[in-house]
Amino acid sequence: MGQPQPPSAQTKFSDDGFWWWGGAAWKPAVSPDRLWRWNGQTWVPAAPTTGAGTSGGSVGMAIGVTVGIFIAVLVLVSILVIVILLTMGNQIANVFSNVTAALGS
């Protein structure tokens, strides 16, 4: 991550913890890939974010809801096609018979 700044007596972090005061400007306390964190003296591996308060459960729930909706739409379209074929099947077959008869003559 480059050469760290010389440590001050006490590193000041922003309230959200994503920035630290370098003496002249606020600098990022987390690397762009979020794998490293500035602890005031050096870059250390960022702690893994696990637990109930993270978005890992909500991502799984979003995927499950999306798959469920997709399956529900497939079932609904299948039922609709079956109903249409059962009610209009003879008329559709008659149209195809007329087309093949016209092409054959």
C-alpha atoms as a PDB file:
ATOM      1  CA  MET A   1       0.000   0.000   0.000  1.00  0.00           C
ATOM      2  CA  GLY A   2       3.021   2.333  -0.161  1.00  0.00           C
ATOM      3  CA  GLN A   3       5.066   3.899   2.586  1.00  0.00           C
ATOM      4  CA  PRO A   4       2.999   4.695   5.683  1.00  0.00           C
ATOM      5  CA  GLN A   5       3.064   8.139   7.181  1.00  0.00           C
ATOM      6  CA  PRO A   6       5.141   8.518  10.346  1.00  0.00           C
ATOM      7  CA  PRO A   7       2.823   7.756  13.235  1.00  0.00           C
ATOM      8  CA  SER A   8       1.602  10.690  15.252  1.00  0.00           C
ATOM      9  CA  ALA A   9       1.053  10.561  18.979  1.00  0.00           C
ATOM     10  CA  GLN A  10      -2.586   9.700  18.425  1.00  0.00           C
ATOM     11  CA  THR A  11      -4.199   9.001  15.056  1.00  0.00           C
ATOM     12  CA  LYS A  12      -7.578  10.657  14.636  1.00  0.00           C
ATOM     13  CA  PHE A  13     -10.203   8.662  12.739  1.00  0.00           C
ATOM     14  CA  SER A  14     -13.464   9.989  11.324  1.00  0.00           C
ATOM     15  CA  ASP A  15     -16.723   9.039  13.035  1.00  0.00           C
ATOM     16  CA  ASP A  16     -17.477   6.414  10.394  1.00  0.00           C
ATOM     17  CA  GLY A  17     -13.944   4.964  10.618  1.00  0.00           C
ATOM     18  CA  PHE A  18     -13.279   5.183   6.890  1.00  0.00           C
ATOM     19  CA  TRP A  19     -10.876   8.183   7.092  1.00  0.00           C
ATOM     20  CA  TRP A  20      -7.917   9.220   9.243  1.00  0.00           C
ATOM     21  CA  TRP A  21      -6.297  12.609   9.697  1.00  0.00           C
ATOM     22  CA  GLY A  22      -2.784  12.690   8.255  1.00  0.00           C
ATOM     23  CA  GLY A  23      -1.899  16.119   9.632  1.00  0.00           C
ATOM     24  CA  ALA A  24      -2.796  18.052   6.480  1.00  0.00           C
ATOM     25  CA  ALA A  25      -5.732  16.139   4.963  1.00  0.00           C
ATOM     26  CA  TRP A  26      -8.118  13.272   5.539  1.00  0.00           C
ATOM     27  CA  LYS A  27      -6.799  10.033   4.062  1.00  0.00           C
ATOM     28  CA  PRO A  28      -8.646   6.766   3.478  1.00  0.00           C
ATOM     29  CA  ALA A  29      -8.353   4.308   6.366  1.00  0.00           C
ATOM     30  CA  VAL A  30      -9.547   1.393   4.232  1.00  0.00           C
ATOM     31  CA  SER A  31      -7.915   0.242   0.996  1.00  0.00           C
ATOM     32  CA  PRO A  32      -9.979   0.517  -2.217  1.00  0.00           C
ATOM     33  CA  ASP A  33     -10.458  -3.267  -2.280  1.00  0.00           C
ATOM     34  CA  ARG A  34     -11.463  -3.167   1.440  1.00  0.00           C
ATOM     35  CA  LEU A  35      -8.929  -5.883   2.296  1.00  0.00           C
ATOM     36  CA  TRP A  36      -6.608  -3.610   4.308  1.00  0.00           C
ATOM     37  CA  ARG A  37      -7.212  -1.116   7.137  1.00  0.00           C
ATOM     38  CA  TRP A  38      -4.953   1.636   8.484  1.00  0.00           C
ATOM     39  CA  ASN A  39      -4.564   1.191  12.257  1.00  0.00           C
ATOM     40  CA  GLY A  40      -2.679   4.443  12.852  1.00  0.00           C
ATOM     41  CA  GLN A  41       0.796   3.039  12.267  1.00  0.00           C
ATOM     42  CA  THR A  42       0.615   0.478   9.477  1.00  0.00           C
ATOM     43  CA  TRP A  43      -1.776  -1.305   7.116  1.00  0.00           C
ATOM     44  CA  VAL A  44      -3.265  -4.478   8.597  1.00  0.00           C
ATOM     45  CA  PRO A  45      -5.672  -7.012   7.098  1.00  0.00           C
ATOM     46  CA  ALA A  46      -9.244  -5.862   7.521  1.00  0.00           C
ATOM     47  CA  ALA A  47     -11.367  -7.950   9.851  1.00  0.00           C
ATOM     48  CA  PRO A  48     -13.916 -10.124   8.039  1.00  0.00           C
ATOM     49  CA  THR A  49     -17.439  -8.804   8.329  1.00  0.00           C
ATOM     50  CA  THR A  50     -19.578 -11.646   9.620  1.00  0.00           C
ATOM     51  CA  GLY A  51     -22.552 -11.757  11.882  1.00  0.00           C
ATOM     52  CA  ALA A  52     -26.214 -10.865  11.966  1.00  0.00           C
ATOM     53  CA  GLY A  53     -25.706  -7.187  11.213  1.00  0.00           C
ATOM     54  CA  THR A  54     -24.063  -7.702   7.827  1.00  0.00           C
ATOM     55  CA  SER A  55     -25.599  -7.869   4.402  1.00  0.00           C
ATOM     56  CA  GLY A  56     -24.663 -11.529   3.848  1.00  0.00           C
ATOM     57  CA  GLY A  57     -28.066 -12.750   4.992  1.00  0.00           C
ATOM     58  CA  SER A  58     -29.935 -10.134   3.021  1.00  0.00           C
ATOM     59  CA  VAL A  59     -28.026 -11.032  -0.160  1.00  0.00           C
ATOM     60  CA  GLY A  60     -29.014 -14.670   0.263  1.00  0.00           C
ATOM     61  CA  MET A  61     -32.579 -13.652   0.913  1.00  0.00           C
ATOM     62  CA  ALA A  62     -32.618 -11.442  -2.210  1.00  0.00           C
ATOM     63  CA  ILE A  63     -31.333 -14.324  -4.332  1.00  0.00           C
ATOM     64  CA  GLY A  64     -33.941 -16.665  -2.859  1.00  0.00           C
ATOM     65  CA  VAL A  65     -36.764 -14.198  -3.494  1.00  0.00           C
ATOM     66  CA  THR A  66     -35.562 -13.639  -7.074  1.00  0.00           C
ATOM     67  CA  VAL A  67     -35.413 -17.372  -7.791  1.00  0.00           C
ATOM     68  CA  GLY A  68     -38.833 -17.841  -6.192  1.00  0.00           C
ATOM     69  CA  ILE A  69     -40.395 -15.108  -8.315  1.00  0.00           C
ATOM     70  CA  PHE A  70     -38.778 -16.551 -11.451  1.00  0.00           C
ATOM     71  CA  ILE A  71     -40.212 -19.999 -10.715  1.00  0.00           C
ATOM     72  CA  ALA A  72     -43.642 -18.508  -9.963  1.00  0.00           C
ATOM     73  CA  VAL A  73     -43.643 -16.678 -13.313  1.00  0.00           C
ATOM     74  CA  LEU A  74     -42.654 -19.890 -15.125  1.00  0.00           C
ATOM     75  CA  VAL A  75     -45.500 -21.790 -13.457  1.00  0.00           C
ATOM     76  CA  LEU A  76     -47.989 -19.018 -14.259  1.00  0.00           C
ATOM     77  CA  VAL A  77     -46.944 -18.898 -17.935  1.00  0.00           C
ATOM     78  CA  SER A  78     -47.129 -22.704 -18.165  1.00  0.00           C
ATOM     79  CA  ILE A  79     -50.657 -22.740 -16.758  1.00  0.00           C
ATOM     80  CA  LEU A  80     -51.681 -19.949 -19.133  1.00  0.00           C
ATOM     81  CA  VAL A  81     -50.299 -21.829 -22.175  1.00  0.00           C
ATOM     82  CA  ILE A  82     -52.070 -25.037 -21.132  1.00  0.00           C
ATOM     83  CA  VAL A  83     -55.401 -23.235 -20.715  1.00  0.00           C
ATOM     84  CA  ILE A  84     -55.031 -21.513 -24.105  1.00  0.00           C
ATOM     85  CA  LEU A  85     -54.148 -24.777 -25.856  1.00  0.00           C
ATOM     86  CA  LEU A  86     -57.063 -26.631 -24.228  1.00  0.00           C
ATOM     87  CA  THR A  87     -59.612 -23.967 -25.127  1.00  0.00           C
ATOM     88  CA  MET A  88     -58.337 -22.993 -28.591  1.00  0.00           C
ATOM     89  CA  GLY A  89     -56.446 -26.114 -29.665  1.00  0.00           C
ATOM     90  CA  ASN A  90     -58.981 -27.175 -32.305  1.00  0.00           C
ATOM     91  CA  GLN A  91     -59.072 -23.693 -33.845  1.00  0.00           C
ATOM     92  CA  ILE A  92     -55.271 -23.530 -33.996  1.00  0.00           C
ATOM     93  CA  ALA A  93     -55.131 -26.987 -35.608  1.00  0.00           C
ATOM     94  CA  ASN A  94     -57.759 -25.865 -38.175  1.00  0.00           C
ATOM     95  CA  VAL A  95     -55.637 -22.804 -39.093  1.00  0.00           C
ATOM     96  CA  PHE A  96     -52.575 -24.977 -39.666  1.00  0.00           C
ATOM     97  CA  SER A  97     -54.649 -27.430 -41.761  1.00  0.00           C
ATOM     98  CA  ASN A  98     -55.875 -24.548 -43.937  1.00  0.00           C
ATOM     99  CA  VAL A  99     -52.305 -23.267 -44.377  1.00  0.00           C
ATOM    100  CA  THR A 100     -50.933 -26.685 -45.375  1.00  0.00           C
ATOM    101  CA  ALA A 101     -53.875 -27.263 -47.772  1.00  0.00           C
ATOM    102  CA  ALA A 102     -53.269 -23.867 -49.411  1.00  0.00           C
ATOM    103  CA  LEU A 103     -49.561 -24.565 -49.785  1.00  0.00           C
ATOM    104  CA  GLY A 104     -50.246 -28.035 -51.234  1.00  0.00           C
ATOM    105  CA  SER A 105     -52.501 -26.796 -54.034  1.00  0.00           C
END
